[in-house]
Amino acid sequence: MRSGVHRFTQALRDLPGSLILPTWAAGMLIVLIGFTGSLVLTVPAAEAAGLTTAQLSSWVWAITVGSGLATITLSLVYRQPVLTAWSTPGLALLVTSLAFYPLGEVVGAYLIVGLAIALLGVSGLFDRVVRVIPQPVAMAVLAGLLLKYGLALIAGVQSDPPLVLAIVATFLALRRLGFRVPIAGALLAGFVVAGATGQLQLGAVSLTPATPVVVWPEFTVRAAVGLALPLLILALASQNLPGFAVMRAAGYTPPVRGALVVTGLLSALMAPMLNHGLTMAAITAAIGNSPEAHPDPQRRYAAAVVAGVLKIGLGLFGVAVVTLLTALPRPVVTALAGLALSGTIVQCLAGGFADPEVRDASLWALLVTAADVSFWGIGSAFWGFVVGVGVHLLLSHRRGLVRSPRGGVPVMPPAEG
């Protein structure tokens, strides 16, 4: 305890001197990727579930402010760039599942997931739980969830060719030029083209601070199995695991227990405000953990603190963020979501099918999830996991394999905040 307090006070004391220009740039880049890459997914999820603008704004407020608080706290306490985010795979799941549950049951599921993650952190059972799920199967399930966004992007070309093609062309051109955040340029192109064609509705944009909306939780077996369990599995296998791996690759010893406890408790605390879950960041963690953020590894935590402060500042105006996103025509939002997740889809397919011994299981998991099947009110993500793990166990037993159920394939980091 005393060493933690000492690290915290020392980190605060060294913070002003650690805020060099590359640190500020890295922190802003982390936030830019998160806000333009995955936050847009809250819009189709909210529309499908019939959420009000106030509820959507509360959702954005809860995940951005919660992520900012968790990032600042963990980075200062451990004096490491511990970057947290909201669950992007969870957002992908909610787009297709949120509408099937009353909002009280959804909040109850969020609360269960947050407390479960905190409990895994306190008990140290995280590694044991994750070993039950073959990582390639988890990646295949995520690919099945995200595939619809890639298909919707192509369909959007038919619905509004000039608008969508301009966004796609901008994205590909910036990638060709090596631009670090091509989705940001695509977003700007979307605003420009939509404005030029008279399709941009900025009249509702307001800088009014967000007011959290509190929803009382309800607990049902249906929501616990069909929503909470897939959200928990996706958070553990698709974000927390690669997030910790990124830190290890950068030479840090990630605070696994501390990070799970903080993100889990904050998720549970803010669940009534529609926070669907805080996790470790992966892609943006690679930015914050790189020498480009700061040449001194002992001062690199400052980039994470900058990112956390910016997330809180922007999250306080969740209404403005939401209205900016909803001011764009629907084909633009769909195209941006598809482009933002295109790299993740490739990574999921590569990770899901890299190991020949797990390909059958991954294929079944992908097909079941992408088919969007639902039995007894339980969505396709859960059944994708069930079928994928079942096929893996069946074929592993038949072949007499003695190996880790992870399949030896590292989880690929998803696009997140």
Protein backbone atom coordinates (compact mmCIF):
# COMPACT_ATOMS: atom_id res chain seq x y z
CA MET A 1 0.00 0.00 0.00
CA ARG A 2 2.80 2.38 0.97
CA SER A 3 4.67 1.72 -2.29
CA GLY A 4 1.48 2.41 -4.26
CA VAL A 5 0.98 5.75 -2.51
CA HIS A 6 4.64 6.60 -3.10
CA ARG A 7 4.34 5.79 -6.82
CA PHE A 8 1.18 7.87 -7.07
CA THR A 9 2.69 10.95 -5.41
CA GLN A 10 5.92 10.59 -7.39
CA ALA A 11 3.96 10.26 -10.63
CA LEU A 12 1.98 13.41 -9.83
CA ARG A 13 5.19 15.26 -9.00
CA ASP A 14 6.88 14.19 -12.25
CA LEU A 15 3.81 14.69 -14.46
CA PRO A 16 4.38 18.36 -15.48
CA GLY A 17 7.95 17.64 -16.58
CA SER A 18 6.81 14.56 -18.52
CA LEU A 19 4.33 16.45 -20.70
CA ILE A 20 6.52 16.96 -23.73
CA LEU A 21 5.11 17.56 -27.23
CA PRO A 22 5.16 13.88 -28.35
CA THR A 23 3.27 12.98 -25.17
CA TRP A 24 0.50 15.47 -25.95
CA ALA A 25 0.36 14.24 -29.55
CA ALA A 26 0.10 10.60 -28.47
CA GLY A 27 -2.65 11.39 -25.96
CA MET A 28 -4.69 13.30 -28.54
CA LEU A 29 -4.18 10.55 -31.12
CA ILE A 30 -5.42 7.93 -28.65
CA VAL A 31 -8.64 9.88 -28.09
CA LEU A 32 -9.11 10.64 -31.77
CA ILE A 33 -8.91 6.95 -32.69
CA GLY A 34 -11.31 5.98 -29.93
CA PHE A 35 -13.93 8.61 -30.72
CA THR A 36 -13.84 8.25 -34.49
CA GLY A 37 -13.28 4.50 -34.55
CA SER A 38 -15.84 2.87 -32.29
CA LEU A 39 -17.98 5.47 -30.52
CA VAL A 40 -20.03 5.76 -33.70
CA LEU A 41 -21.36 2.26 -33.01
CA THR A 42 -23.47 3.61 -30.14
CA VAL A 43 -25.72 5.36 -32.67
CA PRO A 44 -27.06 2.29 -34.56
CA ALA A 45 -27.31 0.37 -31.28
CA ALA A 46 -29.37 3.15 -29.70
CA GLU A 47 -31.55 3.49 -32.78
CA ALA A 48 -32.25 -0.25 -32.90
CA ALA A 49 -33.26 -0.23 -29.21
CA GLY A 50 -35.31 2.96 -29.46
CA LEU A 51 -33.23 4.88 -26.91
CA THR A 52 -33.92 8.57 -26.46
CA THR A 53 -31.27 11.21 -27.20
CA ALA A 54 -30.87 11.73 -23.45
CA GLN A 55 -30.25 8.02 -22.91
CA LEU A 56 -27.76 7.87 -25.76
CA SER A 57 -25.99 10.92 -24.39
CA SER A 58 -25.84 9.30 -20.94
CA TRP A 59 -24.36 6.17 -22.52
CA VAL A 60 -21.63 8.20 -24.23
CA TRP A 61 -20.99 10.15 -21.04
CA ALA A 62 -20.71 7.01 -18.94
CA ILE A 63 -18.23 5.14 -21.14
CA THR A 64 -16.02 8.14 -21.98
CA VAL A 65 -15.85 9.62 -18.48
CA GLY A 66 -15.52 6.15 -16.95
CA SER A 67 -12.69 5.25 -19.30
CA GLY A 68 -10.96 8.55 -18.57
CA LEU A 69 -11.19 8.07 -14.79
CA ALA A 70 -9.92 4.49 -14.98
CA THR A 71 -7.02 5.45 -17.25
CA ILE A 72 -5.88 8.36 -15.06
CA THR A 73 -6.20 6.37 -11.82
CA LEU A 74 -4.36 3.27 -13.02
CA SER A 75 -1.63 5.21 -14.84
CA LEU A 76 -0.81 7.35 -11.81
CA VAL A 77 -1.06 4.54 -9.25
CA TYR A 78 1.18 2.18 -11.24
CA ARG A 79 3.24 4.84 -13.03
CA GLN A 80 2.67 3.01 -16.31
CA PRO A 81 0.66 3.86 -19.45
CA VAL A 82 -2.38 1.79 -18.44
CA LEU A 83 -4.95 2.72 -21.07
CA THR A 84 -8.55 1.65 -20.72
CA ALA A 85 -11.43 1.87 -23.19
CA TRP A 86 -15.05 0.90 -23.64
CA SER A 87 -15.78 -2.55 -25.02
CA THR A 88 -15.92 -2.30 -28.82
CA PRO A 89 -16.90 -5.98 -29.24
CA GLY A 90 -19.61 -5.26 -26.69
CA LEU A 91 -20.89 -2.42 -28.85
CA ALA A 92 -20.97 -4.72 -31.87
CA LEU A 93 -23.00 -7.23 -29.87
CA LEU A 94 -25.41 -4.58 -28.59
CA VAL A 95 -26.25 -3.34 -32.09
CA THR A 96 -28.03 -6.63 -32.74
CA SER A 97 -29.02 -7.61 -29.18
CA LEU A 98 -30.00 -4.44 -27.31
CA ALA A 99 -33.46 -4.22 -28.85
CA PHE A 100 -34.47 -7.67 -27.53
CA TYR A 101 -34.24 -6.78 -23.83
CA PRO A 102 -36.01 -4.19 -21.65
CA LEU A 103 -33.58 -1.47 -20.62
CA GLY A 104 -33.76 -2.50 -16.96
CA GLU A 105 -32.62 -6.02 -17.86
CA VAL A 106 -29.81 -4.57 -19.99
CA VAL A 107 -28.55 -2.53 -17.03
CA GLY A 108 -28.78 -5.62 -14.85
CA ALA A 109 -26.61 -7.50 -17.35
CA TYR A 110 -24.09 -4.63 -17.39
CA LEU A 111 -23.94 -4.73 -13.59
CA ILE A 112 -23.34 -8.49 -13.56
CA VAL A 113 -20.47 -8.14 -16.05
CA GLY A 114 -18.79 -5.34 -14.09
CA LEU A 115 -18.96 -7.22 -10.79
CA ALA A 116 -17.79 -10.44 -12.44
CA ILE A 117 -14.71 -8.73 -13.89
CA ALA A 118 -13.90 -7.13 -10.52
CA LEU A 119 -14.28 -10.53 -8.83
CA LEU A 120 -11.95 -12.13 -11.37
CA GLY A 121 -9.41 -9.43 -10.55
CA VAL A 122 -9.69 -9.90 -6.77
CA SER A 123 -9.54 -13.71 -6.99
CA GLY A 124 -6.85 -13.94 -9.66
CA LEU A 125 -8.99 -16.34 -11.71
CA PHE A 126 -8.72 -14.32 -14.92
CA ASP A 127 -6.23 -16.62 -16.64
CA ARG A 128 -8.19 -19.76 -15.71
CA VAL A 129 -11.44 -18.40 -17.11
CA VAL A 130 -9.88 -17.27 -20.38
CA ARG A 131 -8.23 -20.68 -20.92
CA VAL A 132 -11.66 -22.28 -21.25
CA ILE A 133 -12.31 -20.31 -24.46
CA PRO A 134 -10.11 -21.12 -27.47
CA GLN A 135 -8.81 -17.76 -28.62
CA PRO A 136 -9.36 -18.51 -32.32
CA VAL A 137 -13.02 -19.26 -31.55
CA ALA A 138 -13.37 -15.96 -29.68
CA MET A 139 -11.91 -14.13 -32.68
CA ALA A 140 -14.26 -15.97 -35.05
CA VAL A 141 -17.28 -14.96 -32.96
CA LEU A 142 -16.13 -11.35 -33.03
CA ALA A 143 -15.62 -11.60 -36.82
CA GLY A 144 -19.17 -12.88 -37.15
CA LEU A 145 -20.49 -9.93 -35.17
CA LEU A 146 -18.52 -7.39 -37.19
CA LEU A 147 -19.07 -8.89 -40.63
CA LYS A 148 -22.43 -7.18 -40.99
CA TYR A 149 -20.72 -3.77 -40.81
CA GLY A 150 -18.47 -4.59 -43.73
CA LEU A 151 -21.44 -5.83 -45.73
CA ALA A 152 -23.46 -2.73 -44.81
CA LEU A 153 -20.60 -0.57 -46.07
CA ILE A 154 -20.84 -2.20 -49.51
CA ALA A 155 -24.63 -1.92 -49.49
CA GLY A 156 -24.29 1.78 -48.63
CA VAL A 157 -22.53 2.39 -51.94
CA GLN A 158 -25.77 1.47 -53.67
CA SER A 159 -27.97 3.65 -51.45
CA ASP A 160 -25.89 6.85 -51.77
CA PRO A 161 -22.97 6.33 -54.18
CA PRO A 162 -21.39 9.84 -54.20
CA LEU A 163 -21.40 10.19 -50.43
CA VAL A 164 -20.14 6.73 -49.51
CA LEU A 165 -17.60 6.49 -52.34
CA ALA A 166 -16.09 9.83 -51.30
CA ILE A 167 -15.61 8.50 -47.77
CA VAL A 168 -14.15 5.19 -48.94
CA ALA A 169 -11.83 6.90 -51.43
CA THR A 170 -10.56 9.28 -48.75
CA PHE A 171 -9.96 6.44 -46.32
CA LEU A 172 -8.02 4.34 -48.86
CA ALA A 173 -6.01 7.30 -50.12
CA LEU A 174 -4.94 8.24 -46.59
CA ARG A 175 -3.99 4.64 -45.87
CA ARG A 176 -1.95 4.59 -49.06
CA LEU A 177 -0.14 7.71 -47.87
CA GLY A 178 0.58 6.13 -44.49
CA PHE A 179 -1.72 8.44 -42.53
CA ARG A 180 -1.93 7.14 -38.95
CA VAL A 181 -5.65 7.78 -38.47
CA PRO A 182 -7.32 7.45 -41.90
CA ILE A 183 -10.76 7.14 -40.31
CA ALA A 184 -10.44 10.73 -39.07
CA GLY A 185 -9.95 11.93 -42.64
CA ALA A 186 -12.89 9.80 -43.75
CA LEU A 187 -15.03 11.38 -41.04
CA LEU A 188 -14.03 14.86 -42.21
CA ALA A 189 -14.82 13.89 -45.80
CA GLY A 190 -18.23 12.68 -44.67
CA PHE A 191 -19.01 16.03 -43.07
CA VAL A 192 -17.76 17.96 -46.11
CA VAL A 193 -19.67 15.94 -48.71
CA ALA A 194 -22.82 15.77 -46.58
CA GLY A 195 -22.69 19.54 -46.09
CA ALA A 196 -22.08 20.19 -49.79
CA THR A 197 -25.08 18.05 -50.75
CA GLY A 198 -27.36 19.57 -48.12
CA GLN A 199 -27.64 16.38 -46.06
CA LEU A 200 -25.92 17.62 -42.91
CA GLN A 201 -28.35 18.47 -40.10
CA LEU A 202 -26.41 20.55 -37.58
CA GLY A 203 -29.40 22.35 -36.13
CA ALA A 204 -29.63 19.97 -33.16
CA VAL A 205 -25.93 20.22 -32.20
CA SER A 206 -25.63 21.67 -28.71
CA LEU A 207 -22.76 22.20 -26.28
CA THR A 208 -25.02 21.52 -23.33
CA PRO A 209 -23.27 19.35 -20.71
CA ALA A 210 -24.53 15.79 -20.56
CA THR A 211 -26.90 14.81 -17.77
CA PRO A 212 -26.63 11.15 -16.75
CA VAL A 213 -29.86 9.16 -16.98
CA VAL A 214 -30.26 6.55 -14.26
CA VAL A 215 -32.04 3.27 -15.09
CA TRP A 216 -32.87 0.86 -12.26
CA PRO A 217 -31.44 -2.64 -12.94
CA GLU A 218 -33.54 -5.76 -13.31
CA PHE A 219 -31.99 -9.22 -13.10
CA THR A 220 -33.24 -12.08 -15.27
CA VAL A 221 -31.73 -15.39 -16.30
CA ARG A 222 -32.48 -14.61 -19.94
CA ALA A 223 -30.44 -11.39 -19.94
CA ALA A 224 -27.70 -12.94 -17.79
CA VAL A 225 -27.17 -15.79 -20.25
CA GLY A 226 -27.97 -14.06 -23.54
CA LEU A 227 -26.36 -10.68 -22.89
CA ALA A 228 -24.14 -10.63 -19.81
CA LEU A 229 -22.25 -13.85 -20.59
CA PRO A 230 -21.30 -12.90 -24.19
CA LEU A 231 -20.36 -9.38 -23.03
CA LEU A 232 -18.12 -10.87 -20.34
CA ILE A 233 -16.43 -13.34 -22.70
CA LEU A 234 -15.83 -10.69 -25.36
CA ALA A 235 -14.41 -8.25 -22.81
CA LEU A 236 -12.03 -10.82 -21.35
CA ALA A 237 -10.87 -12.58 -24.51
CA SER A 238 -11.04 -9.81 -27.10
CA GLN A 239 -9.83 -6.74 -25.20
CA ASN A 240 -8.41 -7.36 -21.73
CA LEU A 241 -6.16 -10.20 -22.84
CA PRO A 242 -4.58 -8.36 -25.81
CA GLY A 243 -4.43 -5.14 -23.79
CA PHE A 244 -2.23 -6.78 -21.18
CA ALA A 245 -0.19 -8.43 -23.95
CA VAL A 246 0.55 -5.03 -25.51
CA MET A 247 1.92 -3.76 -22.20
CA ARG A 248 4.10 -6.84 -21.76
CA ALA A 249 5.45 -6.45 -25.28
CA ALA A 250 6.45 -2.88 -24.41
CA GLY A 251 8.46 -4.10 -21.42
CA TYR A 252 5.96 -3.35 -18.63
CA THR A 253 4.48 -5.65 -16.04
CA PRO A 254 0.76 -4.96 -16.44
CA PRO A 255 -1.26 -4.58 -13.23
CA VAL A 256 -3.72 -7.32 -14.16
CA ARG A 257 -5.55 -7.55 -10.85
CA GLY A 258 -5.64 -3.82 -10.25
CA ALA A 259 -6.84 -3.06 -13.77
CA LEU A 260 -9.63 -5.67 -13.60
CA VAL A 261 -10.80 -4.43 -10.20
CA VAL A 262 -10.83 -0.75 -11.21
CA THR A 263 -12.51 -1.26 -14.60
CA GLY A 264 -14.96 -3.78 -13.15
CA LEU A 265 -16.03 -1.63 -10.21
CA LEU A 266 -16.32 1.52 -12.33
CA SER A 267 -18.36 -0.42 -14.90
CA ALA A 268 -20.72 -1.65 -12.19
CA LEU A 269 -20.95 1.78 -10.57
CA MET A 270 -21.80 3.47 -13.87
CA ALA A 271 -23.96 0.65 -15.29
CA PRO A 272 -27.22 2.43 -14.30
CA MET A 273 -26.04 5.35 -16.49
CA LEU A 274 -25.85 2.82 -19.38
CA ASN A 275 -22.12 2.10 -19.25
CA HIS A 276 -21.91 -1.25 -21.06
CA GLY A 277 -18.41 -2.06 -19.83
CA LEU A 278 -14.87 -0.72 -19.46
CA THR A 279 -11.92 -2.83 -20.57
CA MET A 280 -8.23 -2.55 -21.32
CA ALA A 281 -7.38 -0.78 -24.57
CA ALA A 282 -5.34 -2.61 -27.20
CA ILE A 283 -4.65 -0.62 -30.38
CA THR A 284 -4.51 2.72 -28.57
CA ALA A 285 -2.48 1.03 -25.83
CA ALA A 286 0.17 0.31 -28.45
CA ILE A 287 0.37 4.06 -29.13
CA GLY A 288 0.63 5.00 -25.46
CA ASN A 289 3.20 2.31 -24.73
CA SER A 290 5.48 3.13 -27.67
CA PRO A 291 8.66 5.23 -27.52
CA GLU A 292 6.89 7.78 -29.71
CA ALA A 293 4.78 8.74 -26.67
CA HIS A 294 7.91 9.46 -24.59
CA PRO A 295 11.51 8.25 -24.94
CA ASP A 296 11.65 7.48 -21.20
CA PRO A 297 9.52 4.42 -20.28
CA GLN A 298 9.23 5.74 -16.71
CA ARG A 299 7.51 8.90 -17.94
CA ARG A 300 5.39 7.37 -20.68
CA TYR A 301 2.41 7.23 -18.34
CA ALA A 302 1.92 10.94 -19.02
CA ALA A 303 0.45 10.17 -22.47
CA ALA A 304 -2.20 7.99 -20.85
CA VAL A 305 -3.02 10.75 -18.37
CA VAL A 306 -3.45 13.23 -21.23
CA ALA A 307 -5.77 10.78 -23.00
CA GLY A 308 -7.78 10.27 -19.82
CA VAL A 309 -8.24 13.99 -19.23
CA LEU A 310 -9.33 14.56 -22.84
CA LYS A 311 -11.82 11.68 -22.63
CA ILE A 312 -13.40 13.17 -19.52
CA GLY A 313 -13.52 16.65 -21.07
CA LEU A 314 -15.23 15.42 -24.23
CA GLY A 315 -17.46 13.01 -22.33
CA LEU A 316 -18.89 15.82 -20.22
CA PHE A 317 -20.43 17.11 -23.44
CA GLY A 318 -21.89 13.79 -24.52
CA VAL A 319 -24.87 15.58 -26.08
CA ALA A 320 -22.61 17.43 -28.51
CA VAL A 321 -20.76 14.23 -29.44
CA VAL A 322 -24.00 12.37 -30.03
CA THR A 323 -25.67 15.14 -32.02
CA LEU A 324 -22.60 15.49 -34.21
CA LEU A 325 -22.73 11.79 -34.99
CA THR A 326 -26.49 11.80 -35.61
CA ALA A 327 -26.26 14.92 -37.79
CA LEU A 328 -24.61 12.81 -40.47
CA PRO A 329 -26.77 10.87 -42.94
CA ARG A 330 -27.23 7.23 -42.04
CA PRO A 331 -25.12 5.96 -45.00
CA VAL A 332 -22.21 8.03 -43.68
CA VAL A 333 -22.45 6.54 -40.19
CA THR A 334 -22.74 3.05 -41.65
CA ALA A 335 -19.75 3.61 -43.92
CA LEU A 336 -17.64 5.02 -41.08
CA ALA A 337 -18.48 2.06 -38.86
CA GLY A 338 -17.57 -0.39 -41.64
CA LEU A 339 -14.29 1.36 -42.42
CA ALA A 340 -13.34 1.73 -38.75
CA LEU A 341 -13.85 -1.99 -38.21
CA SER A 342 -12.38 -3.22 -41.50
CA GLY A 343 -8.94 -3.77 -40.01
CA THR A 344 -10.45 -5.55 -37.04
CA ILE A 345 -12.41 -7.88 -39.32
CA VAL A 346 -9.18 -8.83 -41.11
CA GLN A 347 -7.39 -9.39 -37.80
CA CYS A 348 -10.25 -11.50 -36.44
CA LEU A 349 -10.33 -13.68 -39.55
CA ALA A 350 -6.55 -14.07 -39.49
CA GLY A 351 -6.51 -14.91 -35.77
CA GLY A 352 -9.53 -17.18 -36.01
CA PHE A 353 -8.22 -19.32 -38.86
CA ALA A 354 -4.45 -19.25 -38.38
CA ASP A 355 -4.31 -22.54 -36.47
CA PRO A 356 -5.34 -25.53 -38.67
CA GLU A 357 -6.40 -27.55 -35.62
CA VAL A 358 -9.04 -25.00 -34.59
CA ARG A 359 -10.31 -23.95 -38.03
CA ASP A 360 -13.38 -26.19 -37.97
CA ALA A 361 -14.44 -24.81 -34.61
CA SER A 362 -13.76 -21.24 -35.74
CA LEU A 363 -15.77 -21.74 -38.92
CA TRP A 364 -18.81 -23.02 -37.02
CA ALA A 365 -18.52 -20.17 -34.52
CA LEU A 366 -18.30 -17.63 -37.36
CA LEU A 367 -21.26 -19.07 -39.28
CA VAL A 368 -23.56 -19.32 -36.25
CA THR A 369 -22.73 -15.79 -35.10
CA ALA A 370 -22.98 -14.20 -38.55
CA ALA A 371 -26.32 -15.95 -39.18
CA ASP A 372 -27.73 -13.91 -36.28
CA VAL A 373 -29.66 -16.90 -34.93
CA SER A 374 -31.60 -16.62 -31.70
CA PHE A 375 -33.02 -19.40 -29.54
CA TRP A 376 -35.10 -18.88 -26.39
CA GLY A 377 -34.36 -15.16 -26.63
CA ILE A 378 -30.59 -15.69 -26.46
CA GLY A 379 -28.57 -14.00 -29.20
CA SER A 380 -26.15 -15.43 -31.74
CA ALA A 381 -22.92 -14.46 -29.95
CA PHE A 382 -23.65 -16.86 -27.11
CA TRP A 383 -24.53 -19.70 -29.48
CA GLY A 384 -21.43 -18.96 -31.53
CA PHE A 385 -19.31 -19.50 -28.42
CA VAL A 386 -21.24 -22.63 -27.44
CA VAL A 387 -21.01 -24.22 -30.88
CA GLY A 388 -17.40 -23.19 -31.43
CA VAL A 389 -16.20 -24.51 -28.08
CA GLY A 390 -18.29 -27.68 -28.52
CA VAL A 391 -16.85 -28.44 -31.95
CA HIS A 392 -13.34 -27.73 -30.68
CA LEU A 393 -13.73 -30.13 -27.75
CA LEU A 394 -15.31 -32.79 -29.97
CA LEU A 395 -12.62 -32.69 -32.64
CA SER A 396 -9.78 -32.30 -30.14
CA HIS A 397 -10.97 -35.44 -28.35
CA ARG A 398 -11.35 -37.31 -31.64
CA ARG A 399 -7.84 -36.40 -32.75
CA GLY A 400 -6.37 -37.13 -29.34
CA LEU A 401 -4.92 -33.66 -29.09
CA VAL A 402 -3.16 -32.68 -25.90
CA ARG A 403 -2.81 -28.92 -26.12
CA SER A 404 -3.97 -25.69 -24.63
CA PRO A 405 -7.53 -24.78 -25.62
CA ARG A 406 -6.20 -21.39 -26.66
CA GLY A 407 -4.91 -22.98 -29.81
CA GLY A 408 -1.62 -21.12 -29.53
CA VAL A 409 -2.94 -18.12 -31.43
CA PRO A 410 -2.71 -14.71 -29.75
CA VAL A 411 -5.85 -12.62 -29.57
CA MET A 412 -5.70 -9.80 -32.10
CA PRO A 413 -6.53 -6.34 -30.77
CA PRO A 414 -9.88 -4.92 -31.88
CA ALA A 415 -10.48 -1.35 -32.95
CA GLU A 416 -11.51 0.51 -29.84
CA GLY A 417 -11.17 3.66 -27.89
